[in-house]
Amino acid sequence: MRLSPLLLEQLETATQQGSRIVIESVLKVRFNSLDDELREIIQPMLLLSPEEFVPVLLQLSREELLARFNSEN
């Protein structure tokens, strides 16, 4: 079964939105808020798979996260 390009695009958008929600939620819980500095690293984190970004979110300190993902911008 082949999916139409439009459906594939919609699935990709939904997956990206779900990942963004997970990243934002974890950042809020870990650091009690989601300030501008943390918001800036969300987009580069979305380039990773959930298997890659979840451990990073849980293990790195705020400073380590900012250093790692700001350097990728």
N, C-alpha and C. Protein backbone atom coordinates (compact mmCIF):
# COMPACT_ATOMS: atom_id res chain seq x y z
N MET A 1 0.84 -1.18 0.00
CA MET A 1 0.00 0.00 0.00
C MET A 1 0.88 1.24 0.00
N ARG A 2 0.64 2.11 -0.92
CA ARG A 2 1.39 3.38 -1.00
C ARG A 2 0.53 4.50 -0.47
N LEU A 3 1.16 5.37 0.32
CA LEU A 3 0.46 6.52 0.85
C LEU A 3 0.69 7.72 -0.05
N SER A 4 -0.31 8.57 -0.14
CA SER A 4 -0.18 9.75 -0.99
C SER A 4 0.86 10.70 -0.39
N PRO A 5 1.50 11.51 -1.21
CA PRO A 5 2.47 12.48 -0.70
C PRO A 5 1.88 13.42 0.35
N LEU A 6 0.62 13.81 0.17
CA LEU A 6 -0.03 14.70 1.13
C LEU A 6 -0.19 14.01 2.48
N LEU A 7 -0.60 12.76 2.47
CA LEU A 7 -0.75 12.02 3.72
C LEU A 7 0.60 11.83 4.40
N LEU A 8 1.62 11.52 3.63
CA LEU A 8 2.97 11.37 4.19
C LEU A 8 3.43 12.68 4.83
N GLU A 9 3.14 13.80 4.18
CA GLU A 9 3.51 15.11 4.72
C GLU A 9 2.77 15.38 6.02
N GLN A 10 1.49 15.04 6.06
CA GLN A 10 0.69 15.24 7.27
C GLN A 10 1.20 14.37 8.42
N LEU A 11 1.58 13.14 8.11
CA LEU A 11 2.15 12.25 9.14
C LEU A 11 3.46 12.80 9.68
N GLU A 12 4.29 13.31 8.81
CA GLU A 12 5.57 13.89 9.23
C GLU A 12 5.34 15.12 10.11
N THR A 13 4.39 15.96 9.73
CA THR A 13 4.07 17.15 10.52
C THR A 13 3.57 16.74 11.90
N ALA A 14 2.70 15.76 11.96
CA ALA A 14 2.17 15.30 13.25
C ALA A 14 3.28 14.71 14.11
N THR A 15 4.19 13.98 13.51
CA THR A 15 5.32 13.40 14.25
C THR A 15 6.21 14.50 14.81
N GLN A 16 6.49 15.52 14.00
CA GLN A 16 7.31 16.65 14.46
C GLN A 16 6.63 17.39 15.61
N GLN A 17 5.32 17.60 15.50
CA GLN A 17 4.59 18.29 16.56
C GLN A 17 4.61 17.48 17.85
N GLY A 18 4.46 16.17 17.73
CA GLY A 18 4.51 15.31 18.91
C GLY A 18 5.88 15.34 19.57
N SER A 19 6.92 15.30 18.76
CA SER A 19 8.27 15.38 19.31
C SER A 19 8.52 16.72 19.98
N ARG A 20 8.04 17.79 19.37
CA ARG A 20 8.19 19.13 19.96
C ARG A 20 7.51 19.19 21.32
N ILE A 21 6.32 18.62 21.42
CA ILE A 21 5.59 18.61 22.69
C ILE A 21 6.37 17.85 23.76
N VAL A 22 6.94 16.71 23.39
CA VAL A 22 7.73 15.93 24.34
C VAL A 22 8.94 16.72 24.81
N ILE A 23 9.68 17.31 23.88
CA ILE A 23 10.87 18.09 24.24
C ILE A 23 10.50 19.26 25.14
N GLU A 24 9.46 20.01 24.76
CA GLU A 24 9.04 21.15 25.58
C GLU A 24 8.62 20.69 26.98
N SER A 25 7.88 19.61 27.07
CA SER A 25 7.42 19.12 28.36
C SER A 25 8.57 18.70 29.27
N VAL A 26 9.51 17.98 28.72
CA VAL A 26 10.66 17.54 29.53
C VAL A 26 11.48 18.75 29.99
N LEU A 27 11.71 19.69 29.10
CA LEU A 27 12.45 20.89 29.49
C LEU A 27 11.74 21.66 30.61
N LYS A 28 10.42 21.79 30.50
CA LYS A 28 9.64 22.48 31.53
C LYS A 28 9.74 21.77 32.88
N VAL A 29 9.61 20.46 32.85
CA VAL A 29 9.67 19.70 34.11
C VAL A 29 11.06 19.76 34.72
N ARG A 30 12.08 19.59 33.91
CA ARG A 30 13.45 19.58 34.44
C ARG A 30 13.91 20.93 34.95
N PHE A 31 13.52 22.01 34.23
CA PHE A 31 14.08 23.32 34.53
C PHE A 31 13.02 24.33 35.01
N ASN A 32 11.83 23.85 35.30
CA ASN A 32 10.73 24.63 35.88
C ASN A 32 10.17 25.72 34.98
N SER A 33 10.71 25.91 33.83
CA SER A 33 10.17 26.89 32.88
C SER A 33 10.80 26.65 31.51
N LEU A 34 10.26 27.34 30.54
CA LEU A 34 10.78 27.23 29.18
C LEU A 34 11.08 28.64 28.70
N ASP A 35 12.29 29.11 28.99
CA ASP A 35 12.67 30.47 28.62
C ASP A 35 13.17 30.52 27.18
N ASP A 36 13.53 31.71 26.73
CA ASP A 36 13.96 31.89 25.35
C ASP A 36 15.18 31.05 24.98
N GLU A 37 16.13 30.93 25.89
CA GLU A 37 17.33 30.14 25.61
C GLU A 37 16.97 28.68 25.35
N LEU A 38 16.10 28.13 26.17
CA LEU A 38 15.69 26.74 25.98
C LEU A 38 14.84 26.58 24.72
N ARG A 39 13.99 27.55 24.43
CA ARG A 39 13.18 27.48 23.22
C ARG A 39 14.05 27.42 21.96
N GLU A 40 15.19 28.09 21.99
CA GLU A 40 16.07 28.13 20.82
C GLU A 40 16.69 26.77 20.50
N ILE A 41 16.81 25.90 21.48
CA ILE A 41 17.45 24.60 21.21
C ILE A 41 16.45 23.52 20.80
N ILE A 42 15.17 23.84 20.83
CA ILE A 42 14.16 22.83 20.46
C ILE A 42 14.29 22.43 19.00
N GLN A 43 14.40 23.39 18.10
CA GLN A 43 14.48 23.07 16.67
C GLN A 43 15.68 22.17 16.34
N PRO A 44 16.88 22.48 16.83
CA PRO A 44 17.99 21.56 16.54
C PRO A 44 17.79 20.18 17.16
N MET A 45 17.10 20.12 18.29
CA MET A 45 16.84 18.82 18.92
C MET A 45 15.89 17.98 18.09
N LEU A 46 15.01 18.64 17.35
CA LEU A 46 14.06 17.92 16.51
C LEU A 46 14.73 17.18 15.35
N LEU A 47 15.98 17.51 15.09
CA LEU A 47 16.72 16.80 14.04
C LEU A 47 17.14 15.40 14.49
N LEU A 48 17.07 15.17 15.81
CA LEU A 48 17.41 13.87 16.37
C LEU A 48 16.16 12.99 16.44
N SER A 49 16.37 11.69 16.46
CA SER A 49 15.25 10.78 16.69
C SER A 49 14.91 10.79 18.18
N PRO A 50 13.70 10.36 18.54
CA PRO A 50 13.37 10.29 19.97
C PRO A 50 14.36 9.43 20.77
N GLU A 51 14.86 8.38 20.16
CA GLU A 51 15.84 7.54 20.83
C GLU A 51 17.12 8.29 21.15
N GLU A 52 17.41 9.32 20.36
CA GLU A 52 18.59 10.14 20.59
C GLU A 52 18.31 11.31 21.52
N PHE A 53 17.17 11.99 21.34
CA PHE A 53 16.97 13.20 22.15
C PHE A 53 16.48 12.94 23.57
N VAL A 54 15.77 11.85 23.81
CA VAL A 54 15.28 11.59 25.18
C VAL A 54 16.42 11.42 26.17
N PRO A 55 17.41 10.55 25.90
CA PRO A 55 18.51 10.43 26.87
C PRO A 55 19.27 11.74 27.08
N VAL A 56 19.45 12.50 26.01
CA VAL A 56 20.15 13.78 26.11
C VAL A 56 19.37 14.72 27.02
N LEU A 57 18.06 14.78 26.83
CA LEU A 57 17.22 15.65 27.66
C LEU A 57 17.29 15.26 29.13
N LEU A 58 17.38 13.98 29.39
CA LEU A 58 17.36 13.51 30.77
C LEU A 58 18.72 13.54 31.45
N GLN A 59 19.80 13.51 30.68
CA GLN A 59 21.13 13.38 31.26
C GLN A 59 21.93 14.68 31.32
N LEU A 60 21.79 15.53 30.32
CA LEU A 60 22.63 16.72 30.28
C LEU A 60 22.06 17.83 31.15
N SER A 61 22.93 18.61 31.73
CA SER A 61 22.51 19.79 32.49
C SER A 61 22.02 20.87 31.53
N ARG A 62 21.41 21.89 32.08
CA ARG A 62 20.95 23.01 31.26
C ARG A 62 22.11 23.60 30.47
N GLU A 63 23.22 23.83 31.13
CA GLU A 63 24.39 24.42 30.48
C GLU A 63 24.92 23.52 29.37
N GLU A 64 24.94 22.21 29.63
CA GLU A 64 25.41 21.27 28.61
C GLU A 64 24.47 21.24 27.40
N LEU A 65 23.16 21.27 27.66
CA LEU A 65 22.20 21.30 26.56
C LEU A 65 22.37 22.55 25.71
N LEU A 66 22.48 23.70 26.38
CA LEU A 66 22.64 24.96 25.64
C LEU A 66 23.94 24.96 24.84
N ALA A 67 25.01 24.48 25.43
CA ALA A 67 26.29 24.44 24.73
C ALA A 67 26.23 23.52 23.52
N ARG A 68 25.64 22.35 23.69
CA ARG A 68 25.59 21.38 22.60
C ARG A 68 24.71 21.85 21.45
N PHE A 69 23.52 22.35 21.75
CA PHE A 69 22.57 22.65 20.67
C PHE A 69 22.67 24.08 20.16
N ASN A 70 23.23 25.00 20.92
CA ASN A 70 23.47 26.34 20.38
C ASN A 70 24.62 26.32 19.39
N SER A 71 25.57 25.43 19.59
CA SER A 71 26.71 25.34 18.67
C SER A 71 26.30 24.76 17.33
N GLU A 72 25.15 24.06 17.30
CA GLU A 72 24.68 23.46 16.05
C GLU A 72 23.87 24.44 15.22
N ASN A 73 23.51 25.59 15.78
CA ASN A 73 22.74 26.59 15.03
C ASN A 73 23.61 27.32 14.05
